[in-house]
Amino acid sequence: MRFLLRFLSPVLGLAVAAVGVLVLLEVITVWVAPTSSPLVVPWPTWQAALTSVTWSSSAVRAVAIGIAVVGLLVVIVALAARRHDVRLTDPATEVTVTTSPRSLARAVGHEVRSHADVVSASVVASSNKVVVKAGTLDAPDVVRAAVRERIDTLFSRLPLARRPRVSVSVAATKGVK
């Protein structure tokens, strides 16, 4: 979602700037030569066509609804693209402490990979959930319990405001030849 927002922001900004430049050129053209034809936008024909349109006509309502829907979609994309930081306990009432989900995943991954029986691990973290997938050469059930215990120990050391759920899956991998 953040990529979409980072793409939409400059595109919408450039579109508004282009419309502004067109309006400026048309206004300057009318000031310099009032009897000449329009430069780019055929605004006299648009003006003649719009004189018969009222605020209660169906075309105006359809355009208004379309603009409202597009605006609502842009707001939804912007809200969905916000940062999802992991809150930590505040050391003082005036201070708010957060970390990124990537940093939490990195800390959990380092702790999981430091286990002697784990040969590979991947960790995905959010403020609500941490998912660990590990590979081992030993019995997966024994390693799963040890990995979960290590993660619980890590979470007791970290000043997390709310402890995320943990999902650990361990699979047996083939030995290196």
N, C-alpha and C. Protein backbone atom coordinates (compact mmCIF):
# COMPACT_ATOMS: atom_id res chain seq x y z
N MET A 1 0.81 -1.19 0.00
CA MET A 1 0.00 0.00 0.00
C MET A 1 0.86 1.26 0.00
N ARG A 2 1.98 1.23 0.72
CA ARG A 2 2.83 2.42 0.75
C ARG A 2 3.36 2.72 -0.64
N PHE A 3 3.67 1.66 -1.42
CA PHE A 3 4.16 1.88 -2.78
C PHE A 3 3.09 2.57 -3.61
N LEU A 4 1.85 2.12 -3.47
CA LEU A 4 0.75 2.73 -4.22
C LEU A 4 0.59 4.19 -3.85
N LEU A 5 0.70 4.49 -2.57
CA LEU A 5 0.57 5.87 -2.12
C LEU A 5 1.74 6.71 -2.61
N ARG A 6 2.94 6.15 -2.60
CA ARG A 6 4.11 6.87 -3.09
C ARG A 6 4.02 7.09 -4.60
N PHE A 7 3.30 6.24 -5.29
CA PHE A 7 3.09 6.42 -6.73
C PHE A 7 1.98 7.43 -6.99
N LEU A 8 0.89 7.33 -6.24
CA LEU A 8 -0.26 8.21 -6.48
C LEU A 8 0.01 9.66 -6.12
N SER A 9 0.76 9.92 -5.09
CA SER A 9 0.99 11.29 -4.64
C SER A 9 1.63 12.15 -5.73
N PRO A 10 2.76 11.74 -6.31
CA PRO A 10 3.32 12.60 -7.36
C PRO A 10 2.45 12.65 -8.62
N VAL A 11 1.77 11.56 -8.94
CA VAL A 11 0.92 11.56 -10.14
C VAL A 11 -0.22 12.56 -9.97
N LEU A 12 -0.88 12.52 -8.82
CA LEU A 12 -1.97 13.48 -8.57
C LEU A 12 -1.43 14.90 -8.50
N GLY A 13 -0.27 15.09 -7.90
CA GLY A 13 0.34 16.41 -7.84
C GLY A 13 0.67 16.95 -9.22
N LEU A 14 1.23 16.09 -10.07
CA LEU A 14 1.53 16.52 -11.44
C LEU A 14 0.26 16.83 -12.23
N ALA A 15 -0.80 16.06 -12.01
CA ALA A 15 -2.06 16.33 -12.71
C ALA A 15 -2.63 17.68 -12.29
N VAL A 16 -2.61 17.98 -11.01
CA VAL A 16 -3.11 19.27 -10.53
C VAL A 16 -2.24 20.41 -11.07
N ALA A 17 -0.93 20.20 -11.09
CA ALA A 17 -0.03 21.23 -11.63
C ALA A 17 -0.27 21.44 -13.12
N ALA A 18 -0.51 20.37 -13.88
CA ALA A 18 -0.77 20.50 -15.32
C ALA A 18 -2.07 21.26 -15.56
N VAL A 19 -3.10 20.97 -14.79
CA VAL A 19 -4.36 21.70 -14.93
C VAL A 19 -4.15 23.18 -14.59
N GLY A 20 -3.38 23.44 -13.56
CA GLY A 20 -3.08 24.84 -13.21
C GLY A 20 -2.34 25.57 -14.31
N VAL A 21 -1.38 24.91 -14.94
CA VAL A 21 -0.64 25.54 -16.04
C VAL A 21 -1.57 25.79 -17.23
N LEU A 22 -2.45 24.83 -17.53
CA LEU A 22 -3.40 25.03 -18.63
C LEU A 22 -4.33 26.20 -18.37
N VAL A 23 -4.83 26.29 -17.16
CA VAL A 23 -5.72 27.41 -16.81
C VAL A 23 -4.96 28.73 -16.93
N LEU A 24 -3.73 28.76 -16.45
CA LEU A 24 -2.92 29.97 -16.53
C LEU A 24 -2.69 30.38 -17.99
N LEU A 25 -2.36 29.42 -18.85
CA LEU A 25 -2.15 29.72 -20.26
C LEU A 25 -3.42 30.24 -20.93
N GLU A 26 -4.55 29.63 -20.60
CA GLU A 26 -5.82 30.07 -21.18
C GLU A 26 -6.18 31.48 -20.72
N VAL A 27 -5.96 31.78 -19.44
CA VAL A 27 -6.27 33.12 -18.92
C VAL A 27 -5.36 34.16 -19.57
N ILE A 28 -4.08 33.85 -19.69
CA ILE A 28 -3.15 34.79 -20.33
C ILE A 28 -3.54 35.01 -21.80
N THR A 29 -3.95 33.93 -22.48
CA THR A 29 -4.37 34.05 -23.87
C THR A 29 -5.58 34.96 -24.00
N VAL A 30 -6.56 34.83 -23.12
CA VAL A 30 -7.77 35.68 -23.16
C VAL A 30 -7.41 37.13 -22.83
N TRP A 31 -6.48 37.36 -21.90
CA TRP A 31 -6.08 38.72 -21.57
C TRP A 31 -5.36 39.39 -22.73
N VAL A 32 -4.48 38.65 -23.38
CA VAL A 32 -3.67 39.22 -24.46
C VAL A 32 -4.52 39.42 -25.72
N ALA A 33 -5.27 38.41 -26.09
CA ALA A 33 -6.08 38.48 -27.32
C ALA A 33 -7.48 37.97 -27.02
N PRO A 34 -8.39 38.84 -26.54
CA PRO A 34 -9.72 38.38 -26.13
C PRO A 34 -10.56 37.80 -27.26
N THR A 35 -10.30 38.16 -28.49
CA THR A 35 -11.12 37.66 -29.59
C THR A 35 -10.56 36.40 -30.23
N SER A 36 -9.37 35.98 -29.81
CA SER A 36 -8.77 34.78 -30.42
C SER A 36 -9.42 33.52 -29.88
N SER A 37 -9.18 32.43 -30.60
CA SER A 37 -9.73 31.15 -30.15
C SER A 37 -8.91 30.63 -28.97
N PRO A 38 -9.48 29.69 -28.19
CA PRO A 38 -8.75 29.17 -27.03
C PRO A 38 -7.46 28.47 -27.46
N LEU A 39 -6.49 28.45 -26.55
CA LEU A 39 -5.17 27.88 -26.84
C LEU A 39 -5.22 26.36 -26.88
N VAL A 40 -5.68 25.71 -25.82
CA VAL A 40 -5.72 24.24 -25.74
C VAL A 40 -7.12 23.74 -25.41
N VAL A 41 -7.71 24.31 -24.38
CA VAL A 41 -9.00 23.83 -23.87
C VAL A 41 -10.13 24.59 -24.59
N PRO A 42 -11.10 23.87 -25.15
CA PRO A 42 -12.20 24.56 -25.83
C PRO A 42 -13.24 25.07 -24.84
N TRP A 43 -12.84 26.01 -23.99
CA TRP A 43 -13.72 26.45 -22.91
C TRP A 43 -14.94 27.21 -23.38
N PRO A 44 -14.95 27.92 -24.51
CA PRO A 44 -16.21 28.59 -24.90
C PRO A 44 -17.31 27.59 -25.22
N THR A 45 -16.98 26.46 -25.88
CA THR A 45 -18.02 25.46 -26.15
C THR A 45 -18.44 24.77 -24.86
N TRP A 46 -17.49 24.55 -23.96
CA TRP A 46 -17.85 23.96 -22.67
C TRP A 46 -18.77 24.90 -21.91
N GLN A 47 -18.47 26.20 -21.95
CA GLN A 47 -19.30 27.19 -21.25
C GLN A 47 -20.71 27.21 -21.81
N ALA A 48 -20.82 27.14 -23.14
CA ALA A 48 -22.15 27.13 -23.76
C ALA A 48 -22.91 25.86 -23.39
N ALA A 49 -22.22 24.73 -23.32
CA ALA A 49 -22.89 23.47 -22.97
C ALA A 49 -23.29 23.45 -21.50
N LEU A 50 -22.51 24.08 -20.65
CA LEU A 50 -22.80 24.06 -19.21
C LEU A 50 -23.86 25.06 -18.79
N THR A 51 -24.21 25.98 -19.64
CA THR A 51 -25.25 26.95 -19.25
C THR A 51 -26.61 26.29 -19.07
N SER A 52 -26.84 25.17 -19.75
CA SER A 52 -28.12 24.48 -19.60
C SER A 52 -28.12 23.47 -18.46
N VAL A 53 -26.98 23.23 -17.84
CA VAL A 53 -26.87 22.23 -16.76
C VAL A 53 -27.13 22.91 -15.42
N THR A 54 -27.96 22.27 -14.60
CA THR A 54 -28.24 22.78 -13.26
C THR A 54 -27.60 21.87 -12.22
N TRP A 55 -27.58 22.34 -10.98
CA TRP A 55 -27.00 21.55 -9.91
C TRP A 55 -27.79 20.27 -9.65
N SER A 56 -29.04 20.23 -10.02
CA SER A 56 -29.85 19.05 -9.76
C SER A 56 -29.88 18.08 -10.95
N SER A 57 -29.14 18.35 -12.01
CA SER A 57 -29.16 17.44 -13.16
C SER A 57 -28.36 16.17 -12.84
N SER A 58 -28.71 15.12 -13.54
CA SER A 58 -28.10 13.81 -13.25
C SER A 58 -26.61 13.77 -13.59
N ALA A 59 -26.17 14.53 -14.59
CA ALA A 59 -24.75 14.56 -14.94
C ALA A 59 -23.92 15.14 -13.80
N VAL A 60 -24.41 16.21 -13.21
CA VAL A 60 -23.69 16.84 -12.09
C VAL A 60 -23.65 15.89 -10.90
N ARG A 61 -24.73 15.22 -10.62
CA ARG A 61 -24.76 14.26 -9.51
C ARG A 61 -23.82 13.09 -9.76
N ALA A 62 -23.78 12.59 -11.00
CA ALA A 62 -22.89 11.47 -11.32
C ALA A 62 -21.43 11.87 -11.17
N VAL A 63 -21.08 13.05 -11.63
CA VAL A 63 -19.69 13.53 -11.48
C VAL A 63 -19.35 13.71 -10.00
N ALA A 64 -20.27 14.27 -9.24
CA ALA A 64 -20.03 14.47 -7.80
C ALA A 64 -19.84 13.13 -7.08
N ILE A 65 -20.66 12.16 -7.41
CA ILE A 65 -20.53 10.83 -6.79
C ILE A 65 -19.21 10.19 -7.20
N GLY A 66 -18.84 10.32 -8.47
CA GLY A 66 -17.57 9.76 -8.93
C GLY A 66 -16.38 10.37 -8.22
N ILE A 67 -16.39 11.70 -8.06
CA ILE A 67 -15.29 12.38 -7.36
C ILE A 67 -15.26 11.97 -5.90
N ALA A 68 -16.42 11.83 -5.27
CA ALA A 68 -16.47 11.40 -3.87
C ALA A 68 -15.92 9.99 -3.71
N VAL A 69 -16.26 9.10 -4.62
CA VAL A 69 -15.75 7.72 -4.53
C VAL A 69 -14.24 7.69 -4.72
N VAL A 70 -13.73 8.43 -5.69
CA VAL A 70 -12.28 8.48 -5.89
C VAL A 70 -11.58 9.07 -4.67
N GLY A 71 -12.15 10.12 -4.10
CA GLY A 71 -11.57 10.72 -2.90
C GLY A 71 -11.58 9.75 -1.73
N LEU A 72 -12.67 9.01 -1.57
CA LEU A 72 -12.74 8.02 -0.50
C LEU A 72 -11.71 6.92 -0.70
N LEU A 73 -11.51 6.48 -1.94
CA LEU A 73 -10.48 5.47 -2.21
C LEU A 73 -9.09 5.99 -1.89
N VAL A 74 -8.81 7.24 -2.22
CA VAL A 74 -7.50 7.82 -1.90
C VAL A 74 -7.30 7.88 -0.38
N VAL A 75 -8.34 8.26 0.35
CA VAL A 75 -8.25 8.30 1.82
C VAL A 75 -8.02 6.90 2.38
N ILE A 76 -8.71 5.89 1.86
CA ILE A 76 -8.54 4.51 2.34
C ILE A 76 -7.12 4.03 2.06
N VAL A 77 -6.60 4.32 0.88
CA VAL A 77 -5.22 3.93 0.56
C VAL A 77 -4.25 4.63 1.50
N ALA A 78 -4.47 5.90 1.78
CA ALA A 78 -3.58 6.63 2.68
C ALA A 78 -3.64 6.07 4.10
N LEU A 79 -4.81 5.71 4.56
CA LEU A 79 -4.92 5.15 5.92
C LEU A 79 -4.33 3.75 6.01
N ALA A 80 -4.45 2.97 4.95
CA ALA A 80 -3.90 1.62 4.96
C ALA A 80 -2.38 1.64 4.84
N ALA A 81 -1.83 2.72 4.33
CA ALA A 81 -0.39 2.79 4.11
C ALA A 81 0.37 3.35 5.31
N ARG A 82 -0.31 3.64 6.38
CA ARG A 82 0.38 4.22 7.53
C ARG A 82 1.34 3.21 8.14
N ARG A 83 2.26 3.71 8.91
CA ARG A 83 3.24 2.84 9.56
C ARG A 83 2.56 2.02 10.67
N HIS A 84 2.94 0.79 10.78
CA HIS A 84 2.40 -0.09 11.80
C HIS A 84 3.51 -0.39 12.81
N ASP A 85 3.86 0.61 13.59
CA ASP A 85 4.95 0.46 14.54
C ASP A 85 4.55 -0.44 15.71
N VAL A 86 5.57 -1.02 16.34
CA VAL A 86 5.39 -1.84 17.53
C VAL A 86 5.65 -0.93 18.72
N ARG A 87 4.65 -0.79 19.56
CA ARG A 87 4.81 0.09 20.73
C ARG A 87 5.59 -0.60 21.82
N LEU A 88 6.46 0.17 22.45
CA LEU A 88 7.20 -0.30 23.61
C LEU A 88 6.69 0.45 24.82
N THR A 89 7.01 -0.04 26.00
CA THR A 89 6.55 0.65 27.21
C THR A 89 7.23 2.01 27.29
N ASP A 90 6.47 3.00 27.66
CA ASP A 90 6.97 4.37 27.72
C ASP A 90 7.76 4.58 29.01
N PRO A 91 8.99 5.10 28.92
CA PRO A 91 9.77 5.34 30.13
C PRO A 91 9.23 6.49 30.97
N ALA A 92 8.51 7.41 30.32
CA ALA A 92 7.89 8.53 31.02
C ALA A 92 6.59 8.88 30.29
N THR A 93 5.74 9.63 30.95
CA THR A 93 4.45 9.96 30.34
C THR A 93 4.61 10.85 29.12
N GLU A 94 5.68 11.64 29.05
CA GLU A 94 5.89 12.54 27.93
C GLU A 94 6.58 11.87 26.75
N VAL A 95 7.03 10.63 26.92
CA VAL A 95 7.84 9.96 25.90
C VAL A 95 7.08 8.75 25.36
N THR A 96 7.03 8.64 24.03
CA THR A 96 6.44 7.48 23.38
C THR A 96 7.56 6.75 22.65
N VAL A 97 7.66 5.46 22.89
CA VAL A 97 8.74 4.68 22.30
C VAL A 97 8.14 3.60 21.40
N THR A 98 8.64 3.55 20.16
CA THR A 98 8.19 2.53 19.21
C THR A 98 9.40 1.94 18.50
N THR A 99 9.18 0.81 17.88
CA THR A 99 10.18 0.21 17.01
C THR A 99 9.46 -0.30 15.77
N SER A 100 10.21 -0.59 14.76
CA SER A 100 9.58 -1.07 13.53
C SER A 100 9.39 -2.59 13.60
N PRO A 101 8.40 -3.10 12.87
CA PRO A 101 8.23 -4.56 12.83
C PRO A 101 9.48 -5.26 12.28
N ARG A 102 10.19 -4.61 11.38
CA ARG A 102 11.42 -5.19 10.83
C ARG A 102 12.48 -5.37 11.92
N SER A 103 12.59 -4.39 12.81
CA SER A 103 13.55 -4.50 13.91
C SER A 103 13.17 -5.62 14.87
N LEU A 104 11.88 -5.75 15.15
CA LEU A 104 11.42 -6.84 16.01
C LEU A 104 11.70 -8.18 15.34
N ALA A 105 11.44 -8.28 14.05
CA ALA A 105 11.71 -9.53 13.32
C ALA A 105 13.20 -9.84 13.31
N ARG A 106 14.03 -8.81 13.17
CA ARG A 106 15.47 -9.01 13.18
C ARG A 106 15.94 -9.53 14.55
N ALA A 107 15.40 -8.97 15.63
CA ALA A 107 15.79 -9.42 16.98
C ALA A 107 15.35 -10.86 17.22
N VAL A 108 14.12 -11.18 16.82
CA VAL A 108 13.63 -12.56 16.99
C VAL A 108 14.43 -13.51 16.12
N GLY A 109 14.71 -13.10 14.88
CA GLY A 109 15.49 -13.96 13.98
C GLY A 109 16.88 -14.22 14.51
N HIS A 110 17.52 -13.19 15.06
CA HIS A 110 18.85 -13.38 15.64
C HIS A 110 18.80 -14.37 16.80
N GLU A 111 17.79 -14.24 17.62
CA GLU A 111 17.64 -15.14 18.77
C GLU A 111 17.37 -16.58 18.31
N VAL A 112 16.53 -16.75 17.31
CA VAL A 112 16.20 -18.09 16.81
C VAL A 112 17.42 -18.73 16.15
N ARG A 113 18.14 -17.96 15.34
CA ARG A 113 19.30 -18.51 14.63
C ARG A 113 20.47 -18.82 15.56
N SER A 114 20.47 -18.23 16.76
CA SER A 114 21.55 -18.50 17.70
C SER A 114 21.39 -19.88 18.36
N HIS A 115 20.24 -20.50 18.20
CA HIS A 115 20.03 -21.85 18.72
C HIS A 115 20.87 -22.82 17.89
N ALA A 116 21.57 -23.73 18.56
CA ALA A 116 22.51 -24.63 17.89
C ALA A 116 21.83 -25.58 16.90
N ASP A 117 20.58 -25.95 17.15
CA ASP A 117 19.91 -26.92 16.30
C ASP A 117 19.17 -26.30 15.11
N VAL A 118 19.12 -25.00 15.03
CA VAL A 118 18.43 -24.33 13.93
C VAL A 118 19.44 -24.05 12.82
N VAL A 119 19.14 -24.55 11.60
CA VAL A 119 20.05 -24.33 10.48
C VAL A 119 19.56 -23.20 9.57
N SER A 120 18.28 -22.88 9.60
CA SER A 120 17.74 -21.76 8.81
C SER A 120 16.49 -21.25 9.50
N ALA A 121 16.23 -19.96 9.30
CA ALA A 121 15.04 -19.38 9.91
C ALA A 121 14.62 -18.14 9.14
N SER A 122 13.32 -17.95 9.07
CA SER A 122 12.77 -16.70 8.54
C SER A 122 11.71 -16.21 9.51
N VAL A 123 11.68 -14.90 9.71
CA VAL A 123 10.77 -14.30 10.69
C VAL A 123 10.04 -13.14 10.04
N VAL A 124 8.73 -13.10 10.23
CA VAL A 124 7.91 -11.98 9.81
C VAL A 124 7.18 -11.49 11.06
N ALA A 125 7.28 -10.18 11.30
CA ALA A 125 6.70 -9.64 12.53
C ALA A 125 5.80 -8.46 12.22
N SER A 126 4.78 -8.31 13.05
CA SER A 126 3.95 -7.12 13.06
C SER A 126 3.70 -6.80 14.52
N SER A 127 2.91 -5.77 14.77
CA SER A 127 2.65 -5.43 16.17
C SER A 127 1.75 -6.46 16.84
N ASN A 128 1.04 -7.26 16.05
CA ASN A 128 0.11 -8.25 16.60
C ASN A 128 0.65 -9.67 16.60
N LYS A 129 1.52 -10.00 15.65
CA LYS A 129 1.89 -11.40 15.47
C LYS A 129 3.33 -11.52 14.98
N VAL A 130 3.99 -12.57 15.43
CA VAL A 130 5.34 -12.92 14.97
C VAL A 130 5.26 -14.34 14.44
N VAL A 131 5.66 -14.52 13.17
CA VAL A 131 5.63 -15.83 12.53
C VAL A 131 7.06 -16.26 12.28
N VAL A 132 7.43 -17.42 12.83
CA VAL A 132 8.78 -17.95 12.70
C VAL A 132 8.71 -19.28 11.96
N LYS A 133 9.52 -19.39 10.91
CA LYS A 133 9.66 -20.65 10.18
C LYS A 133 11.12 -21.04 10.25
N ALA A 134 11.39 -22.18 10.85
CA ALA A 134 12.77 -22.60 11.06
C ALA A 134 13.00 -23.98 10.46
N GLY A 135 14.25 -24.24 10.13
CA GLY A 135 14.64 -25.55 9.63
C GLY A 135 15.68 -26.15 10.58
N THR A 136 15.62 -27.46 10.74
CA THR A 136 16.53 -28.13 11.65
C THR A 136 16.91 -29.49 11.11
N LEU A 137 18.00 -30.03 11.60
CA LEU A 137 18.40 -31.39 11.25
C LEU A 137 17.90 -32.39 12.29
N ASP A 138 17.45 -31.89 13.44
CA ASP A 138 17.00 -32.73 14.54
C ASP A 138 15.48 -32.89 14.51
N ALA A 139 14.93 -33.43 15.59
CA ALA A 139 13.48 -33.62 15.71
C ALA A 139 12.79 -32.25 15.79
N PRO A 140 11.86 -31.99 14.88
CA PRO A 140 11.22 -30.67 14.86
C PRO A 140 10.45 -30.31 16.13
N ASP A 141 9.83 -31.28 16.78
CA ASP A 141 9.04 -30.98 17.98
C ASP A 141 9.91 -30.47 19.12
N VAL A 142 11.08 -31.08 19.29
CA VAL A 142 11.99 -30.66 20.36
C VAL A 142 12.52 -29.26 20.08
N VAL A 143 12.90 -29.02 18.83
CA VAL A 143 13.45 -27.72 18.46
C VAL A 143 12.36 -26.65 18.53
N ARG A 144 11.13 -26.99 18.16
CA ARG A 144 10.02 -26.03 18.22
C ARG A 144 9.83 -25.54 19.65
N ALA A 145 9.85 -26.44 20.61
CA ALA A 145 9.69 -26.05 22.02
C ALA A 145 10.85 -25.16 22.48
N ALA A 146 12.06 -25.51 22.06
CA ALA A 146 13.22 -24.71 22.46
C ALA A 146 13.19 -23.32 21.82
N VAL A 147 12.77 -23.25 20.57
CA VAL A 147 12.68 -21.96 19.89
C VAL A 147 11.61 -21.09 20.53
N ARG A 148 10.46 -21.69 20.83
CA ARG A 148 9.39 -20.93 21.48
C ARG A 148 9.86 -20.41 22.85
N GLU A 149 10.60 -21.23 23.58
CA GLU A 149 11.12 -20.80 24.89
C GLU A 149 12.10 -19.63 24.73
N ARG A 150 12.95 -19.69 23.70
CA ARG A 150 13.89 -18.60 23.46
C ARG A 150 13.15 -17.31 23.11
N ILE A 151 12.09 -17.43 22.32
CA ILE A 151 11.32 -16.23 21.95
C ILE A 151 10.62 -15.66 23.18
N ASP A 152 10.08 -16.52 24.03
CA ASP A 152 9.44 -16.04 25.26
C ASP A 152 10.45 -15.32 26.15
N THR A 153 11.66 -15.86 26.23
CA THR A 153 12.71 -15.21 27.02
C THR A 153 13.07 -13.86 26.43
N LEU A 154 13.17 -13.80 25.11
CA LEU A 154 13.46 -12.52 24.46
C LEU A 154 12.36 -11.51 24.72
N PHE A 155 11.11 -11.92 24.61
CA PHE A 155 10.00 -11.00 24.85
C PHE A 155 9.95 -10.53 26.30
N SER A 156 10.41 -11.35 27.24
CA SER A 156 10.44 -10.90 28.63
C SER A 156 11.54 -9.85 28.84
N ARG A 157 12.59 -9.88 28.01
CA ARG A 157 13.65 -8.88 28.10
C ARG A 157 13.29 -7.58 27.39
N LEU A 158 12.49 -7.67 26.33
CA LEU A 158 12.12 -6.48 25.57
C LEU A 158 10.98 -5.74 26.28
N PRO A 159 11.00 -4.42 26.26
CA PRO A 159 9.93 -3.66 26.92
C PRO A 159 8.72 -3.46 26.01
N LEU A 160 8.12 -4.57 25.57
CA LEU A 160 6.96 -4.49 24.69
C LEU A 160 5.73 -4.05 25.48
N ALA A 161 4.97 -3.12 24.93
CA ALA A 161 3.74 -2.67 25.58
C ALA A 161 2.68 -3.76 25.52
N ARG A 162 2.65 -4.48 24.42
CA ARG A 162 1.70 -5.58 24.24
C ARG A 162 2.44 -6.70 23.56
N ARG A 163 2.34 -7.86 24.15
CA ARG A 163 3.07 -9.02 23.64
C ARG A 163 2.36 -9.60 22.42
N PRO A 164 3.07 -9.70 21.28
CA PRO A 164 2.43 -10.27 20.09
C PRO A 164 2.26 -11.78 20.19
N ARG A 165 1.30 -12.30 19.43
CA ARG A 165 1.14 -13.75 19.36
C ARG A 165 2.33 -14.31 18.59
N VAL A 166 2.70 -15.53 18.92
CA VAL A 166 3.86 -16.14 18.27
C VAL A 166 3.41 -17.44 17.61
N SER A 167 3.81 -17.60 16.36
CA SER A 167 3.55 -18.83 15.62
C SER A 167 4.90 -19.38 15.19
N VAL A 168 5.22 -20.57 15.65
CA VAL A 168 6.50 -21.19 15.33
C VAL A 168 6.25 -22.48 14.57
N SER A 169 6.87 -22.62 13.41
CA SER A 169 6.82 -23.88 12.70
C SER A 169 8.24 -24.28 12.37
N VAL A 170 8.55 -25.52 12.68
CA VAL A 170 9.90 -26.05 12.47
C VAL A 170 9.78 -27.27 11.56
N ALA A 171 10.58 -27.30 10.55
CA ALA A 171 10.57 -28.42 9.59
C ALA A 171 11.96 -29.03 9.56
N ALA A 172 11.98 -30.34 9.38
CA ALA A 172 13.26 -31.04 9.25
C ALA A 172 13.80 -30.80 7.85
N THR A 173 15.05 -30.41 7.77
CA THR A 173 15.70 -30.19 6.47
C THR A 173 16.70 -31.29 6.22
N LYS A 174 17.07 -31.43 4.95
CA LYS A 174 18.05 -32.44 4.60
C LYS A 174 19.43 -31.97 4.99
N GLY A 175 20.26 -32.89 5.37
CA GLY A 175 21.62 -32.57 5.79
C GLY A 175 22.48 -32.09 4.63
N VAL A 176 23.51 -31.34 4.96
CA VAL A 176 24.44 -30.84 3.96
C VAL A 176 25.42 -31.95 3.60
N LYS A 177 25.63 -32.17 2.30
CA LYS A 177 26.51 -33.25 1.87
C LYS A 177 27.87 -32.72 1.52
